N, C-alpha and C. Protein backbone atom coordinates (compact mmCIF):
# COMPACT_ATOMS: atom_id res chain seq x y z
N UNK A 1 50.55 -22.23 5.41
CA UNK A 1 48.91 -21.97 5.75
C UNK A 1 48.91 -20.39 6.12
N UNK A 2 47.88 -19.82 5.63
CA UNK A 2 47.87 -18.46 6.37
C UNK A 2 47.89 -18.53 8.09
N UNK A 3 48.52 -17.20 7.95
CA UNK A 3 48.72 -17.47 9.45
C UNK A 3 47.74 -16.34 10.27
N UNK A 4 46.59 -15.72 9.86
CA UNK A 4 45.40 -15.68 10.29
C UNK A 4 44.35 -16.61 10.65
N UNK A 5 44.85 -17.69 9.91
CA UNK A 5 43.35 -18.61 10.37
C UNK A 5 43.53 -19.40 11.22
N UNK A 6 42.41 -19.62 11.86
CA UNK A 6 42.37 -20.01 13.34
C UNK A 6 40.65 -21.00 13.13
N UNK A 7 41.18 -21.64 12.96
CA UNK A 7 40.64 -23.37 12.67
C UNK A 7 38.85 -23.43 13.52
N UNK A 8 37.65 -23.32 12.90
CA UNK A 8 36.91 -23.55 14.02
C UNK A 8 35.83 -24.81 14.02
N UNK A 9 36.87 -25.96 13.18
CA UNK A 9 35.93 -26.89 12.90
C UNK A 9 35.52 -27.50 14.65
N UNK A 10 36.25 -27.05 15.91
CA UNK A 10 37.09 -28.06 16.94
C UNK A 10 36.34 -27.10 18.24
N UNK A 11 34.99 -25.97 17.72
CA UNK A 11 34.79 -25.23 18.39
C UNK A 11 32.71 -25.62 18.49
N UNK A 12 32.48 -25.36 19.80
CA UNK A 12 31.24 -25.63 19.72
C UNK A 12 30.22 -24.64 18.56
N UNK A 13 29.49 -26.14 17.89
CA UNK A 13 28.86 -24.88 17.29
C UNK A 13 27.10 -24.25 17.61
N UNK A 14 27.47 -23.31 17.27
CA UNK A 14 26.08 -22.01 17.53
C UNK A 14 25.08 -22.51 16.96
N UNK A 15 23.84 -23.49 17.18
CA UNK A 15 22.69 -23.58 16.42
C UNK A 15 21.91 -23.37 16.48
N UNK A 16 22.37 -21.68 17.27
CA UNK A 16 20.46 -20.60 17.07
C UNK A 16 21.11 -18.88 16.70
N UNK A 17 22.27 -19.24 15.46
CA UNK A 17 22.84 -18.55 14.56
C UNK A 17 21.24 -17.17 14.76
N UNK A 18 22.29 -15.59 14.31
CA UNK A 18 21.02 -14.63 13.71
C UNK A 18 21.05 -15.32 12.32
N UNK A 19 19.39 -15.20 11.97
CA UNK A 19 18.99 -16.14 11.07
C UNK A 19 18.95 -15.36 9.84
N UNK A 20 19.86 -16.10 9.03
CA UNK A 20 20.26 -15.63 7.41
C UNK A 20 19.13 -15.28 6.86
N UNK A 21 18.03 -16.29 5.93
CA UNK A 21 17.47 -16.88 5.13
C UNK A 21 16.02 -16.55 6.13
N UNK A 22 15.72 -17.41 6.68
CA UNK A 22 14.60 -18.01 7.62
C UNK A 22 14.11 -17.40 8.63
N UNK A 23 13.13 -17.69 9.52
CA UNK A 23 13.02 -16.85 11.05
C UNK A 23 12.70 -18.47 11.52
N UNK A 24 13.15 -19.39 11.28
CA UNK A 24 12.43 -20.81 11.53
C UNK A 24 13.48 -20.91 12.22
N UNK A 25 13.50 -21.86 13.92
CA UNK A 25 14.84 -22.64 14.35
C UNK A 25 15.56 -23.31 13.93
N UNK A 26 17.09 -22.94 14.25
CA UNK A 26 17.81 -24.04 13.89
C UNK A 26 17.36 -25.27 14.44
N UNK A 27 18.07 -26.61 13.92
CA UNK A 27 17.67 -27.60 14.29
C UNK A 27 18.78 -28.37 14.14
N UNK A 28 19.80 -28.79 15.57
CA UNK A 28 20.21 -29.73 15.87
C UNK A 28 20.43 -31.01 14.66
N UNK A 29 21.61 -31.48 14.52
CA UNK A 29 21.23 -32.72 14.06
C UNK A 29 21.19 -33.98 14.84
N UNK A 30 21.26 -34.89 14.49
CA UNK A 30 20.48 -36.37 15.66
C UNK A 30 21.87 -36.18 16.94
N UNK A 31 22.99 -36.57 16.25
CA UNK A 31 23.82 -36.78 16.41
C UNK A 31 25.14 -36.27 16.97
N UNK A 32 25.01 -34.16 16.10
CA UNK A 32 26.05 -33.34 16.41
C UNK A 32 27.91 -34.33 15.82
N UNK A 33 27.79 -35.10 14.97
CA UNK A 33 29.13 -35.54 14.52
C UNK A 33 29.32 -35.44 13.38
N UNK A 34 30.95 -34.35 13.39
CA UNK A 34 31.13 -34.39 12.23
C UNK A 34 31.55 -35.09 11.19
N UNK A 35 32.09 -34.69 9.88
CA UNK A 35 33.09 -36.14 9.33
C UNK A 35 33.26 -34.72 8.42
N UNK A 36 35.07 -34.40 8.25
CA UNK A 36 35.97 -34.34 7.62
C UNK A 36 35.58 -34.82 5.73
N UNK A 37 35.02 -33.70 4.88
CA UNK A 37 34.78 -33.69 3.53
C UNK A 37 35.63 -33.52 2.44
N UNK A 38 35.37 -33.61 1.21
CA UNK A 38 36.65 -32.36 0.20
C UNK A 38 35.01 -32.33 -1.07
N UNK A 39 34.84 -31.04 -0.76
CA UNK A 39 33.62 -30.40 -1.70
C UNK A 39 34.04 -29.72 -2.67
N UNK A 40 33.55 -29.81 -4.03
CA UNK A 40 33.76 -28.66 -5.35
C UNK A 40 32.86 -27.65 -4.98
N UNK A 41 33.60 -26.20 -5.02
CA UNK A 41 32.35 -25.48 -4.48
C UNK A 41 32.68 -24.30 -5.96
N UNK A 42 31.51 -23.44 -6.32
CA UNK A 42 31.81 -22.67 -7.22
C UNK A 42 32.69 -21.63 -6.58
N UNK A 43 33.92 -21.09 -7.37
CA UNK A 43 35.18 -20.06 -6.56
C UNK A 43 33.94 -18.73 -5.78
N UNK A 44 33.35 -18.20 -7.02
CA UNK A 44 32.43 -16.89 -6.03
C UNK A 44 31.08 -17.28 -4.88
N UNK A 45 30.81 -18.41 -5.05
CA UNK A 45 30.24 -18.56 -3.43
C UNK A 45 30.91 -18.99 -3.24
N UNK A 46 32.26 -19.93 -2.59
CA UNK A 46 32.78 -19.88 -1.62
C UNK A 46 33.26 -18.61 -1.27
N UNK A 47 34.08 -17.60 -2.19
CA UNK A 47 33.99 -16.14 -1.99
C UNK A 47 32.77 -15.44 -1.06
N UNK A 48 31.70 -15.52 -1.41
CA UNK A 48 30.73 -14.84 -0.76
C UNK A 48 30.96 -15.35 0.32
N UNK A 49 30.38 -17.07 1.14
CA UNK A 49 30.20 -17.24 2.36
C UNK A 49 32.10 -16.95 3.28
N UNK A 50 32.91 -16.70 2.57
CA UNK A 50 33.96 -16.51 3.61
C UNK A 50 33.96 -15.34 3.74
N UNK A 51 33.17 -14.46 2.43
CA UNK A 51 33.23 -12.94 2.54
C UNK A 51 32.42 -12.29 3.82
N UNK A 52 31.15 -13.58 4.42
CA UNK A 52 30.92 -13.33 6.10
C UNK A 52 31.90 -12.92 6.97
N UNK A 53 33.08 -13.41 6.78
CA UNK A 53 33.80 -13.65 8.51
C UNK A 53 33.83 -14.94 8.30
N UNK A 54 34.67 -15.45 9.57
CA UNK A 54 34.93 -17.08 10.21
C UNK A 54 33.62 -16.85 10.21
N UNK A 55 33.95 -19.10 10.02
CA UNK A 55 32.69 -19.79 10.14
C UNK A 55 31.62 -20.16 8.87
N UNK A 56 32.44 -19.94 7.69
CA UNK A 56 31.91 -20.24 6.49
C UNK A 56 31.88 -21.22 6.88
N UNK A 57 32.27 -22.07 6.88
CA UNK A 57 32.24 -24.15 6.45
C UNK A 57 30.75 -24.68 7.97
N UNK A 58 30.57 -23.26 8.56
CA UNK A 58 29.36 -23.47 9.41
C UNK A 58 28.14 -23.37 8.88
N UNK A 59 27.94 -22.01 8.05
CA UNK A 59 27.37 -21.50 7.05
C UNK A 59 26.87 -22.36 6.25
N UNK A 60 27.67 -22.76 5.29
CA UNK A 60 27.63 -23.50 4.43
C UNK A 60 26.41 -24.90 5.50
N UNK A 61 27.34 -25.67 5.75
CA UNK A 61 26.45 -26.85 6.94
C UNK A 61 25.16 -26.23 6.89
N UNK A 62 24.99 -25.06 7.55
CA UNK A 62 23.64 -24.33 7.80
C UNK A 62 22.11 -23.90 6.74
N UNK A 63 23.24 -23.42 5.41
CA UNK A 63 22.33 -23.97 4.73
C UNK A 63 21.59 -24.71 3.87
N UNK A 64 23.03 -26.05 3.71
CA UNK A 64 22.96 -27.12 3.94
C UNK A 64 21.61 -28.25 4.14
N UNK A 65 21.64 -27.70 5.72
CA UNK A 65 21.11 -28.00 6.53
C UNK A 65 19.35 -28.06 6.71
N UNK A 66 18.80 -26.36 6.49
CA UNK A 66 17.82 -26.05 5.42
C UNK A 66 17.23 -26.10 4.97
N UNK A 67 17.45 -26.78 3.75
CA UNK A 67 17.66 -27.05 2.22
C UNK A 67 17.03 -28.53 2.26
N UNK A 68 17.84 -29.66 3.03
CA UNK A 68 17.69 -30.88 3.41
C UNK A 68 16.52 -31.08 4.19
N UNK A 69 16.18 -29.80 5.09
CA UNK A 69 14.85 -30.07 6.04
C UNK A 69 13.79 -29.89 5.30
N UNK A 70 14.05 -28.87 4.29
CA UNK A 70 12.60 -28.16 3.18
C UNK A 70 12.22 -29.54 2.73
N UNK A 71 13.11 -30.07 2.08
CA UNK A 71 12.93 -31.45 1.00
C UNK A 71 12.22 -32.30 2.22
N UNK A 72 12.53 -32.61 3.04
CA UNK A 72 11.59 -33.70 4.24
C UNK A 72 10.63 -33.20 4.31
N UNK A 73 10.50 -32.11 4.12
CA UNK A 73 9.03 -31.55 4.67
C UNK A 73 8.70 -31.44 3.46
N UNK A 74 8.71 -31.00 2.41
CA UNK A 74 8.03 -31.35 1.08
C UNK A 74 7.73 -33.16 0.93
N UNK A 75 8.22 -33.81 1.16
CA UNK A 75 8.48 -35.18 0.36
C UNK A 75 7.13 -35.23 1.76
N UNK A 76 7.31 -35.24 3.10
CA UNK A 76 5.95 -35.76 3.76
C UNK A 76 4.40 -35.41 3.31
N UNK A 77 4.53 -33.77 3.00
CA UNK A 77 3.64 -33.30 2.78
C UNK A 77 2.77 -33.71 1.57
């Protein structure tokens, strides 16, 4: 395993990070429970998220949540 690796999955998630793509406030999930999954991502995309430093899984989750919220909003309208 990578000796420099420090897991962040057991740390509290910052629900109000500096906005990456939008100025909308981050919305916390309804129960805050996380589930471990295996997902296949394009190598260049994963490297891009990792290139921003520790917390890349949290950033990926935030991007997916924003997309989900946008889809839900557009379905209501």
